[in-house]
Amino acid sequence: SRRTKKLSPIAAAFLLGLILGRFFPS
């Protein structure tokens, strides 16, 4: 059995911010 963990909305928003900050300067 493979168990996947879902990201919380806050963690998802944080990761998205990191990704956008990496590819699109502030």
mmCIF file of all heavy atoms, coordinates in Angstrom:
data_MODEL
# 
_entry.id   MODEL 
# 
loop_
_atom_site.group_PDB 
_atom_site.id 
_atom_site.type_symbol 
_atom_site.label_atom_id 
_atom_site.label_alt_id 
_atom_site.label_comp_id 
_atom_site.label_asym_id 
_atom_site.label_entity_id 
_atom_site.label_seq_id 
_atom_site.pdbx_PDB_ins_code 
_atom_site.Cartn_x 
_atom_site.Cartn_y 
_atom_site.Cartn_z 
_atom_site.occupancy 
_atom_site.B_iso_or_equiv 
_atom_site.pdbx_formal_charge 
_atom_site.auth_seq_id 
_atom_site.auth_comp_id 
_atom_site.auth_asym_id 
_atom_site.auth_atom_id 
_atom_site.pdbx_PDB_model_num 
ATOM 1   N N   . SER A 1 1  ? 0.842  -1.187 0.000   1.00 0.00 ? 1  SER A N   1 
ATOM 2   C CA  . SER A 1 1  ? 0.000  0.000  0.000   1.00 0.00 ? 1  SER A CA  1 
ATOM 3   C C   . SER A 1 1  ? 0.883  1.246  0.000   1.00 0.00 ? 1  SER A C   1 
ATOM 4   O O   . SER A 1 1  ? 1.831  1.345  0.768   1.00 0.00 ? 1  SER A O   1 
ATOM 5   C CB  . SER A 1 1  ? -0.900 -0.038 1.235   1.00 0.00 ? 1  SER A CB  1 
ATOM 6   O OG  . SER A 1 1  ? -1.272 1.234  1.596   1.00 0.00 ? 1  SER A OG  1 
ATOM 7   N N   . ARG A 1 2  ? 0.532  2.136  -0.861  1.00 0.00 ? 2  ARG A N   1 
ATOM 8   C CA  . ARG A 1 2  ? 1.301  3.383  -0.952  1.00 0.00 ? 2  ARG A CA  1 
ATOM 9   C C   . ARG A 1 2  ? 0.441  4.510  -0.418  1.00 0.00 ? 2  ARG A C   1 
ATOM 10  O O   . ARG A 1 2  ? -0.657 4.740  -0.910  1.00 0.00 ? 2  ARG A O   1 
ATOM 11  C CB  . ARG A 1 2  ? 1.677  3.629  -2.404  1.00 0.00 ? 2  ARG A CB  1 
ATOM 12  C CG  . ARG A 1 2  ? 2.593  4.774  -2.539  1.00 0.00 ? 2  ARG A CG  1 
ATOM 13  C CD  . ARG A 1 2  ? 2.964  4.919  -3.971  1.00 0.00 ? 2  ARG A CD  1 
ATOM 14  N NE  . ARG A 1 2  ? 4.328  5.383  -4.018  1.00 0.00 ? 2  ARG A NE  1 
ATOM 15  C CZ  . ARG A 1 2  ? 4.978  5.597  -5.110  1.00 0.00 ? 2  ARG A CZ  1 
ATOM 16  N NH1 . ARG A 1 2  ? 4.427  5.317  -6.252  1.00 0.00 ? 2  ARG A NH1 1 
ATOM 17  N NH2 . ARG A 1 2  ? 6.195  6.042  -5.092  1.00 0.00 ? 2  ARG A NH2 1 
ATOM 18  N N   . ARG A 1 3  ? 0.909  5.178  0.541   1.00 0.00 ? 3  ARG A N   1 
ATOM 19  C CA  . ARG A 1 3  ? 0.149  6.239  1.172   1.00 0.00 ? 3  ARG A CA  1 
ATOM 20  C C   . ARG A 1 3  ? 0.686  7.586  0.676   1.00 0.00 ? 3  ARG A C   1 
ATOM 21  O O   . ARG A 1 3  ? 1.883  7.846  0.733   1.00 0.00 ? 3  ARG A O   1 
ATOM 22  C CB  . ARG A 1 3  ? 0.338  6.141  2.668   1.00 0.00 ? 3  ARG A CB  1 
ATOM 23  C CG  . ARG A 1 3  ? -0.660 6.900  3.421   1.00 0.00 ? 3  ARG A CG  1 
ATOM 24  C CD  . ARG A 1 3  ? -0.582 6.433  4.860   1.00 0.00 ? 3  ARG A CD  1 
ATOM 25  N NE  . ARG A 1 3  ? -1.835 6.737  5.479   1.00 0.00 ? 3  ARG A NE  1 
ATOM 26  C CZ  . ARG A 1 3  ? -1.947 7.273  6.652   1.00 0.00 ? 3  ARG A CZ  1 
ATOM 27  N NH1 . ARG A 1 3  ? -0.880 7.497  7.383   1.00 0.00 ? 3  ARG A NH1 1 
ATOM 28  N NH2 . ARG A 1 3  ? -3.120 7.550  7.143   1.00 0.00 ? 3  ARG A NH2 1 
ATOM 29  N N   . THR A 1 4  ? -0.201 8.418  0.150   1.00 0.00 ? 4  THR A N   1 
ATOM 30  C CA  . THR A 1 4  ? 0.220  9.744  -0.291  1.00 0.00 ? 4  THR A CA  1 
ATOM 31  C C   . THR A 1 4  ? -0.305 10.775 0.676   1.00 0.00 ? 4  THR A C   1 
ATOM 32  O O   . THR A 1 4  ? -1.415 10.667 1.181   1.00 0.00 ? 4  THR A O   1 
ATOM 33  C CB  . THR A 1 4  ? -0.309 10.072 -1.702  1.00 0.00 ? 4  THR A CB  1 
ATOM 34  O OG1 . THR A 1 4  ? -1.711 9.985  -1.695  1.00 0.00 ? 4  THR A OG1 1 
ATOM 35  C CG2 . THR A 1 4  ? 0.290  9.146  -2.732  1.00 0.00 ? 4  THR A CG2 1 
ATOM 36  N N   . LYS A 1 5  ? 0.499  11.749 0.918   1.00 0.00 ? 5  LYS A N   1 
ATOM 37  C CA  . LYS A 1 5  ? 0.125  12.813 1.818   1.00 0.00 ? 5  LYS A CA  1 
ATOM 38  C C   . LYS A 1 5  ? -0.256 14.034 0.996   1.00 0.00 ? 5  LYS A C   1 
ATOM 39  O O   . LYS A 1 5  ? 0.448  14.409 0.073   1.00 0.00 ? 5  LYS A O   1 
ATOM 40  C CB  . LYS A 1 5  ? 1.325  13.145 2.707   1.00 0.00 ? 5  LYS A CB  1 
ATOM 41  C CG  . LYS A 1 5  ? 0.967  13.578 4.055   1.00 0.00 ? 5  LYS A CG  1 
ATOM 42  C CD  . LYS A 1 5  ? 2.234  13.733 4.869   1.00 0.00 ? 5  LYS A CD  1 
ATOM 43  C CE  . LYS A 1 5  ? 1.843  13.792 6.321   1.00 0.00 ? 5  LYS A CE  1 
ATOM 44  N NZ  . LYS A 1 5  ? 2.982  13.957 7.181   1.00 0.00 ? 5  LYS A NZ  1 
ATOM 45  N N   . LYS A 1 6  ? -1.368 14.643 1.328   1.00 0.00 ? 6  LYS A N   1 
ATOM 46  C CA  . LYS A 1 6  ? -1.808 15.850 0.625   1.00 0.00 ? 6  LYS A CA  1 
ATOM 47  C C   . LYS A 1 6  ? -1.195 17.070 1.297   1.00 0.00 ? 6  LYS A C   1 
ATOM 48  O O   . LYS A 1 6  ? -1.026 17.105 2.514   1.00 0.00 ? 6  LYS A O   1 
ATOM 49  C CB  . LYS A 1 6  ? -3.328 15.962 0.652   1.00 0.00 ? 6  LYS A CB  1 
ATOM 50  C CG  . LYS A 1 6  ? -4.005 14.923 -0.181  1.00 0.00 ? 6  LYS A CG  1 
ATOM 51  C CD  . LYS A 1 6  ? -5.480 15.175 -0.210  1.00 0.00 ? 6  LYS A CD  1 
ATOM 52  C CE  . LYS A 1 6  ? -6.158 14.116 -1.059  1.00 0.00 ? 6  LYS A CE  1 
ATOM 53  N NZ  . LYS A 1 6  ? -7.587 14.305 -1.125  1.00 0.00 ? 6  LYS A NZ  1 
ATOM 54  N N   . LEU A 1 7  ? -0.876 18.042 0.459   1.00 0.00 ? 7  LEU A N   1 
ATOM 55  C CA  . LEU A 1 7  ? -0.360 19.305 0.986   1.00 0.00 ? 7  LEU A CA  1 
ATOM 56  C C   . LEU A 1 7  ? -1.503 20.139 1.536   1.00 0.00 ? 7  LEU A C   1 
ATOM 57  O O   . LEU A 1 7  ? -2.590 20.190 0.957   1.00 0.00 ? 7  LEU A O   1 
ATOM 58  C CB  . LEU A 1 7  ? 0.317  20.114 -0.116  1.00 0.00 ? 7  LEU A CB  1 
ATOM 59  C CG  . LEU A 1 7  ? 1.669  19.655 -0.611  1.00 0.00 ? 7  LEU A CG  1 
ATOM 60  C CD1 . LEU A 1 7  ? 2.128  20.542 -1.758  1.00 0.00 ? 7  LEU A CD1 1 
ATOM 61  C CD2 . LEU A 1 7  ? 2.688  19.684 0.504   1.00 0.00 ? 7  LEU A CD2 1 
ATOM 62  N N   . SER A 1 8  ? -1.246 20.810 2.616   1.00 0.00 ? 8  SER A N   1 
ATOM 63  C CA  . SER A 1 8  ? -2.246 21.753 3.124   1.00 0.00 ? 8  SER A CA  1 
ATOM 64  C C   . SER A 1 8  ? -2.284 22.949 2.166   1.00 0.00 ? 8  SER A C   1 
ATOM 65  O O   . SER A 1 8  ? -1.303 23.223 1.456   1.00 0.00 ? 8  SER A O   1 
ATOM 66  C CB  . SER A 1 8  ? -1.874 22.218 4.527   1.00 0.00 ? 8  SER A CB  1 
ATOM 67  O OG  . SER A 1 8  ? -0.777 23.109 4.469   1.00 0.00 ? 8  SER A OG  1 
ATOM 68  N N   . PRO A 1 9  ? -3.387 23.670 2.138   1.00 0.00 ? 9  PRO A N   1 
ATOM 69  C CA  . PRO A 1 9  ? -3.451 24.851 1.262   1.00 0.00 ? 9  PRO A CA  1 
ATOM 70  C C   . PRO A 1 9  ? -2.337 25.857 1.550   1.00 0.00 ? 9  PRO A C   1 
ATOM 71  O O   . PRO A 1 9  ? -1.804 26.474 0.649   1.00 0.00 ? 9  PRO A O   1 
ATOM 72  C CB  . PRO A 1 9  ? -4.831 25.444 1.565   1.00 0.00 ? 9  PRO A CB  1 
ATOM 73  C CG  . PRO A 1 9  ? -5.647 24.296 2.070   1.00 0.00 ? 9  PRO A CG  1 
ATOM 74  C CD  . PRO A 1 9  ? -4.666 23.407 2.793   1.00 0.00 ? 9  PRO A CD  1 
ATOM 75  N N   . ILE A 1 10 ? -1.957 25.989 2.799   1.00 0.00 ? 10 ILE A N   1 
ATOM 76  C CA  . ILE A 1 10 ? -0.897 26.937 3.150   1.00 0.00 ? 10 ILE A CA  1 
ATOM 77  C C   . ILE A 1 10 ? 0.443  26.465 2.592   1.00 0.00 ? 10 ILE A C   1 
ATOM 78  O O   . ILE A 1 10 ? 1.201  27.244 2.005   1.00 0.00 ? 10 ILE A O   1 
ATOM 79  C CB  . ILE A 1 10 ? -0.817 27.125 4.683   1.00 0.00 ? 10 ILE A CB  1 
ATOM 80  C CG1 . ILE A 1 10 ? -2.093 27.827 5.171   1.00 0.00 ? 10 ILE A CG1 1 
ATOM 81  C CG2 . ILE A 1 10 ? 0.428  27.901 5.078   1.00 0.00 ? 10 ILE A CG2 1 
ATOM 82  C CD1 . ILE A 1 10 ? -2.232 27.900 6.657   1.00 0.00 ? 10 ILE A CD1 1 
ATOM 83  N N   . ALA A 1 11 ? 0.719  25.174 2.738   1.00 0.00 ? 11 ALA A N   1 
ATOM 84  C CA  . ALA A 1 11 ? 1.974  24.629 2.200   1.00 0.00 ? 11 ALA A CA  1 
ATOM 85  C C   . ALA A 1 11 ? 1.997  24.733 0.680   1.00 0.00 ? 11 ALA A C   1 
ATOM 86  O O   . ALA A 1 11 ? 3.034  25.067 0.084   1.00 0.00 ? 11 ALA A O   1 
ATOM 87  C CB  . ALA A 1 11 ? 2.144  23.174 2.639   1.00 0.00 ? 11 ALA A CB  1 
ATOM 88  N N   . ALA A 1 12 ? 0.865  24.473 0.038   1.00 0.00 ? 12 ALA A N   1 
ATOM 89  C CA  . ALA A 1 12 ? 0.788  24.578 -1.429  1.00 0.00 ? 12 ALA A CA  1 
ATOM 90  C C   . ALA A 1 12 ? 1.049  26.015 -1.875  1.00 0.00 ? 12 ALA A C   1 
ATOM 91  O O   . ALA A 1 12 ? 1.775  26.259 -2.842  1.00 0.00 ? 12 ALA A O   1 
ATOM 92  C CB  . ALA A 1 12 ? -0.568 24.092 -1.931  1.00 0.00 ? 12 ALA A CB  1 
ATOM 93  N N   . ALA A 1 13 ? 0.448  26.974 -1.184  1.00 0.00 ? 13 ALA A N   1 
ATOM 94  C CA  . ALA A 1 13 ? 0.651  28.383 -1.529  1.00 0.00 ? 13 ALA A CA  1 
ATOM 95  C C   . ALA A 1 13 ? 2.111  28.779 -1.339  1.00 0.00 ? 13 ALA A C   1 
ATOM 96  O O   . ALA A 1 13 ? 2.684  29.502 -2.153  1.00 0.00 ? 13 ALA A O   1 
ATOM 97  C CB  . ALA A 1 13 ? -0.258 29.270 -0.681  1.00 0.00 ? 13 ALA A CB  1 
ATOM 98  N N   . PHE A 1 14 ? 2.727  28.278 -0.272  1.00 0.00 ? 14 PHE A N   1 
ATOM 99  C CA  . PHE A 1 14 ? 4.134  28.563 -0.012  1.00 0.00 ? 14 PHE A CA  1 
ATOM 100 C C   . PHE A 1 14 ? 5.019  28.020 -1.139  1.00 0.00 ? 14 PHE A C   1 
ATOM 101 O O   . PHE A 1 14 ? 5.893  28.710 -1.652  1.00 0.00 ? 14 PHE A O   1 
ATOM 102 C CB  . PHE A 1 14 ? 4.550  27.975 1.337   1.00 0.00 ? 14 PHE A CB  1 
ATOM 103 C CG  . PHE A 1 14 ? 6.002  28.156 1.648   1.00 0.00 ? 14 PHE A CG  1 
ATOM 104 C CD1 . PHE A 1 14 ? 6.496  29.385 2.042   1.00 0.00 ? 14 PHE A CD1 1 
ATOM 105 C CD2 . PHE A 1 14 ? 6.888  27.093 1.528   1.00 0.00 ? 14 PHE A CD2 1 
ATOM 106 C CE1 . PHE A 1 14 ? 7.845  29.566 2.316   1.00 0.00 ? 14 PHE A CE1 1 
ATOM 107 C CE2 . PHE A 1 14 ? 8.235  27.256 1.795   1.00 0.00 ? 14 PHE A CE2 1 
ATOM 108 C CZ  . PHE A 1 14 ? 8.710  28.496 2.192   1.00 0.00 ? 14 PHE A CZ  1 
ATOM 109 N N   . LEU A 1 15 ? 4.781  26.767 -1.514  1.00 0.00 ? 15 LEU A N   1 
ATOM 110 C CA  . LEU A 1 15 ? 5.567  26.163 -2.595  1.00 0.00 ? 15 LEU A CA  1 
ATOM 111 C C   . LEU A 1 15 ? 5.373  26.903 -3.914  1.00 0.00 ? 15 LEU A C   1 
ATOM 112 O O   . LEU A 1 15 ? 6.326  27.140 -4.642  1.00 0.00 ? 15 LEU A O   1 
ATOM 113 C CB  . LEU A 1 15 ? 5.199  24.689 -2.769  1.00 0.00 ? 15 LEU A CB  1 
ATOM 114 C CG  . LEU A 1 15 ? 5.766  23.753 -1.712  1.00 0.00 ? 15 LEU A CG  1 
ATOM 115 C CD1 . LEU A 1 15 ? 5.199  22.349 -1.883  1.00 0.00 ? 15 LEU A CD1 1 
ATOM 116 C CD2 . LEU A 1 15 ? 7.276  23.725 -1.787  1.00 0.00 ? 15 LEU A CD2 1 
ATOM 117 N N   . LEU A 1 16 ? 4.138  27.270 -4.212  1.00 0.00 ? 16 LEU A N   1 
ATOM 118 C CA  . LEU A 1 16 ? 3.863  28.031 -5.434  1.00 0.00 ? 16 LEU A CA  1 
ATOM 119 C C   . LEU A 1 16 ? 4.616  29.356 -5.408  1.00 0.00 ? 16 LEU A C   1 
ATOM 120 O O   . LEU A 1 16 ? 5.215  29.770 -6.399  1.00 0.00 ? 16 LEU A O   1 
ATOM 121 C CB  . LEU A 1 16 ? 2.365  28.261 -5.612  1.00 0.00 ? 16 LEU A CB  1 
ATOM 122 C CG  . LEU A 1 16 ? 1.958  29.015 -6.869  1.00 0.00 ? 16 LEU A CG  1 
ATOM 123 C CD1 . LEU A 1 16 ? 2.377  28.246 -8.129  1.00 0.00 ? 16 LEU A CD1 1 
ATOM 124 C CD2 . LEU A 1 16 ? 0.462  29.258 -6.876  1.00 0.00 ? 16 LEU A CD2 1 
ATOM 125 N N   . GLY A 1 17 ? 4.634  30.016 -4.259  1.00 0.00 ? 17 GLY A N   1 
ATOM 126 C CA  . GLY A 1 17 ? 5.373  31.268 -4.117  1.00 0.00 ? 17 GLY A CA  1 
ATOM 127 C C   . GLY A 1 17 ? 6.854  31.087 -4.367  1.00 0.00 ? 17 GLY A C   1 
ATOM 128 O O   . GLY A 1 17 ? 7.500  31.897 -5.025  1.00 0.00 ? 17 GLY A O   1 
ATOM 129 N N   . LEU A 1 18 ? 7.413  29.996 -3.850  1.00 0.00 ? 18 LEU A N   1 
ATOM 130 C CA  . LEU A 1 18 ? 8.825  29.709 -4.088  1.00 0.00 ? 18 LEU A CA  1 
ATOM 131 C C   . LEU A 1 18 ? 9.102  29.485 -5.571  1.00 0.00 ? 18 LEU A C   1 
ATOM 132 O O   . LEU A 1 18 ? 10.081 29.998 -6.116  1.00 0.00 ? 18 LEU A O   1 
ATOM 133 C CB  . LEU A 1 18 ? 9.255  28.459 -3.306  1.00 0.00 ? 18 LEU A CB  1 
ATOM 134 C CG  . LEU A 1 18 ? 9.473  28.629 -1.815  1.00 0.00 ? 18 LEU A CG  1 
ATOM 135 C CD1 . LEU A 1 18 ? 9.790  27.274 -1.173  1.00 0.00 ? 18 LEU A CD1 1 
ATOM 136 C CD2 . LEU A 1 18 ? 10.584 29.615 -1.537  1.00 0.00 ? 18 LEU A CD2 1 
ATOM 137 N N   . ILE A 1 19 ? 8.243  28.707 -6.212  1.00 0.00 ? 19 ILE A N   1 
ATOM 138 C CA  . ILE A 1 19 ? 8.424  28.415 -7.636  1.00 0.00 ? 19 ILE A CA  1 
ATOM 139 C C   . ILE A 1 19 ? 8.320  29.688 -8.460  1.00 0.00 ? 19 ILE A C   1 
ATOM 140 O O   . ILE A 1 19 ? 9.175  29.968 -9.301  1.00 0.00 ? 19 ILE A O   1 
ATOM 141 C CB  . ILE A 1 19 ? 7.399  27.367 -8.113  1.00 0.00 ? 19 ILE A CB  1 
ATOM 142 C CG1 . ILE A 1 19 ? 7.718  26.015 -7.471  1.00 0.00 ? 19 ILE A CG1 1 
ATOM 143 C CG2 . ILE A 1 19 ? 7.386  27.259 -9.633  1.00 0.00 ? 19 ILE A CG2 1 
ATOM 144 C CD1 . ILE A 1 19 ? 6.616  24.976 -7.608  1.00 0.00 ? 19 ILE A CD1 1 
ATOM 145 N N   . LEU A 1 20 ? 7.273  30.485 -8.213  1.00 0.00 ? 20 LEU A N   1 
ATOM 146 C CA  . LEU A 1 20 ? 7.104  31.727 -8.979  1.00 0.00 ? 20 LEU A CA  1 
ATOM 147 C C   . LEU A 1 20 ? 8.243  32.691 -8.703  1.00 0.00 ? 20 LEU A C   1 
ATOM 148 O O   . LEU A 1 20 ? 8.714  33.376 -9.607  1.00 0.00 ? 20 LEU A O   1 
ATOM 149 C CB  . LEU A 1 20 ? 5.755  32.376 -8.667  1.00 0.00 ? 20 LEU A CB  1 
ATOM 150 C CG  . LEU A 1 20 ? 4.543  31.639 -9.212  1.00 0.00 ? 20 LEU A CG  1 
ATOM 151 C CD1 . LEU A 1 20 ? 3.261  32.333 -8.764  1.00 0.00 ? 20 LEU A CD1 1 
ATOM 152 C CD2 . LEU A 1 20 ? 4.590  31.543 -10.717 1.00 0.00 ? 20 LEU A CD2 1 
ATOM 153 N N   . GLY A 1 21 ? 8.699  32.762 -7.455  1.00 0.00 ? 21 GLY A N   1 
ATOM 154 C CA  . GLY A 1 21 ? 9.818  33.636 -7.116  1.00 0.00 ? 21 GLY A CA  1 
ATOM 155 C C   . GLY A 1 21 ? 11.099 33.215 -7.817  1.00 0.00 ? 21 GLY A C   1 
ATOM 156 O O   . GLY A 1 21 ? 11.920 34.035 -8.175  1.00 0.00 ? 21 GLY A O   1 
ATOM 157 N N   . ARG A 1 22 ? 11.251 31.943 -8.053  1.00 0.00 ? 22 ARG A N   1 
ATOM 158 C CA  . ARG A 1 22 ? 12.445 31.418 -8.730  1.00 0.00 ? 22 ARG A CA  1 
ATOM 159 C C   . ARG A 1 22 ? 12.453 31.780 -10.208 1.00 0.00 ? 22 ARG A C   1 
ATOM 160 O O   . ARG A 1 22 ? 13.478 32.116 -10.769 1.00 0.00 ? 22 ARG A O   1 
ATOM 161 C CB  . ARG A 1 22 ? 12.472 29.889 -8.544  1.00 0.00 ? 22 ARG A CB  1 
ATOM 162 C CG  . ARG A 1 22 ? 13.441 29.159 -9.406  1.00 0.00 ? 22 ARG A CG  1 
ATOM 163 C CD  . ARG A 1 22 ? 14.809 29.097 -8.745  1.00 0.00 ? 22 ARG A CD  1 
ATOM 164 N NE  . ARG A 1 22 ? 15.682 28.194 -9.466  1.00 0.00 ? 22 ARG A NE  1 
ATOM 165 C CZ  . ARG A 1 22 ? 16.551 28.593 -10.369 1.00 0.00 ? 22 ARG A CZ  1 
ATOM 166 N NH1 . ARG A 1 22 ? 16.680 29.849 -10.650 1.00 0.00 ? 22 ARG A NH1 1 
ATOM 167 N NH2 . ARG A 1 22 ? 17.317 27.720 -10.986 1.00 0.00 ? 22 ARG A NH2 1 
ATOM 168 N N   . PHE A 1 23 ? 11.290 31.682 -10.840 1.00 0.00 ? 23 PHE A N   1 
ATOM 169 C CA  . PHE A 1 23 ? 11.213 31.898 -12.278 1.00 0.00 ? 23 PHE A CA  1 
ATOM 170 C C   . PHE A 1 23 ? 10.787 33.298 -12.673 1.00 0.00 ? 23 PHE A C   1 
ATOM 171 O O   . PHE A 1 23 ? 10.989 33.710 -13.790 1.00 0.00 ? 23 PHE A O   1 
ATOM 172 C CB  . PHE A 1 23 ? 10.276 30.873 -12.924 1.00 0.00 ? 23 PHE A CB  1 
ATOM 173 C CG  . PHE A 1 23 ? 10.800 29.471 -12.809 1.00 0.00 ? 23 PHE A CG  1 
ATOM 174 C CD1 . PHE A 1 23 ? 10.218 28.565 -11.943 1.00 0.00 ? 23 PHE A CD1 1 
ATOM 175 C CD2 . PHE A 1 23 ? 11.917 29.065 -13.524 1.00 0.00 ? 23 PHE A CD2 1 
ATOM 176 C CE1 . PHE A 1 23 ? 10.712 27.279 -11.823 1.00 0.00 ? 23 PHE A CE1 1 
ATOM 177 C CE2 . PHE A 1 23 ? 12.418 27.783 -13.403 1.00 0.00 ? 23 PHE A CE2 1 
ATOM 178 C CZ  . PHE A 1 23 ? 11.820 26.885 -12.545 1.00 0.00 ? 23 PHE A CZ  1 
ATOM 179 N N   . PHE A 1 24 ? 10.175 34.033 -11.777 1.00 0.00 ? 24 PHE A N   1 
ATOM 180 C CA  . PHE A 1 24 ? 9.718  35.391 -12.069 1.00 0.00 ? 24 PHE A CA  1 
ATOM 181 C C   . PHE A 1 24 ? 10.212 36.291 -10.967 1.00 0.00 ? 24 PHE A C   1 
ATOM 182 O O   . PHE A 1 24 ? 9.712  36.248 -9.853  1.00 0.00 ? 24 PHE A O   1 
ATOM 183 C CB  . PHE A 1 24 ? 8.184  35.469 -12.140 1.00 0.00 ? 24 PHE A CB  1 
ATOM 184 C CG  . PHE A 1 24 ? 7.603  34.593 -13.207 1.00 0.00 ? 24 PHE A CG  1 
ATOM 185 C CD1 . PHE A 1 24 ? 7.026  33.380 -12.893 1.00 0.00 ? 24 PHE A CD1 1 
ATOM 186 C CD2 . PHE A 1 24 ? 7.651  34.981 -14.535 1.00 0.00 ? 24 PHE A CD2 1 
ATOM 187 C CE1 . PHE A 1 24 ? 6.507  32.562 -13.878 1.00 0.00 ? 24 PHE A CE1 1 
ATOM 188 C CE2 . PHE A 1 24 ? 7.134  34.167 -15.518 1.00 0.00 ? 24 PHE A CE2 1 
ATOM 189 C CZ  . PHE A 1 24 ? 6.556  32.956 -15.191 1.00 0.00 ? 24 PHE A CZ  1 
ATOM 190 N N   . PRO A 1 25 ? 11.210 37.124 -11.242 1.00 0.00 ? 25 PRO A N   1 
ATOM 191 C CA  . PRO A 1 25 ? 11.749 38.004 -10.210 1.00 0.00 ? 25 PRO A CA  1 
ATOM 192 C C   . PRO A 1 25 ? 10.653 38.845 -9.575  1.00 0.00 ? 25 PRO A C   1 
ATOM 193 O O   . PRO A 1 25 ? 9.677  39.202 -10.213 1.00 0.00 ? 25 PRO A O   1 
ATOM 194 C CB  . PRO A 1 25 ? 12.743 38.892 -10.976 1.00 0.00 ? 25 PRO A CB  1 
ATOM 195 C CG  . PRO A 1 25 ? 13.027 38.164 -12.230 1.00 0.00 ? 25 PRO A CG  1 
ATOM 196 C CD  . PRO A 1 25 ? 11.829 37.316 -12.530 1.00 0.00 ? 25 PRO A CD  1 
ATOM 197 N N   . SER A 1 26 ? 10.841 39.185 -8.315  1.00 0.00 ? 26 SER A N   1 
ATOM 198 C CA  . SER A 1 26 ? 9.802  39.886 -7.564  1.00 0.00 ? 26 SER A CA  1 
ATOM 199 C C   . SER A 1 26 ? 9.528  41.293 -8.087  1.00 0.00 ? 26 SER A C   1 
ATOM 200 O O   . SER A 1 26 ? 8.478  41.842 -7.818  1.00 0.00 ? 26 SER A O   1 
ATOM 201 C CB  . SER A 1 26 ? 10.192 39.959 -6.091  1.00 0.00 ? 26 SER A CB  1 
ATOM 202 O OG  . SER A 1 26 ? 11.409 40.666 -5.957  1.00 0.00 ? 26 SER A OG  1 
# 
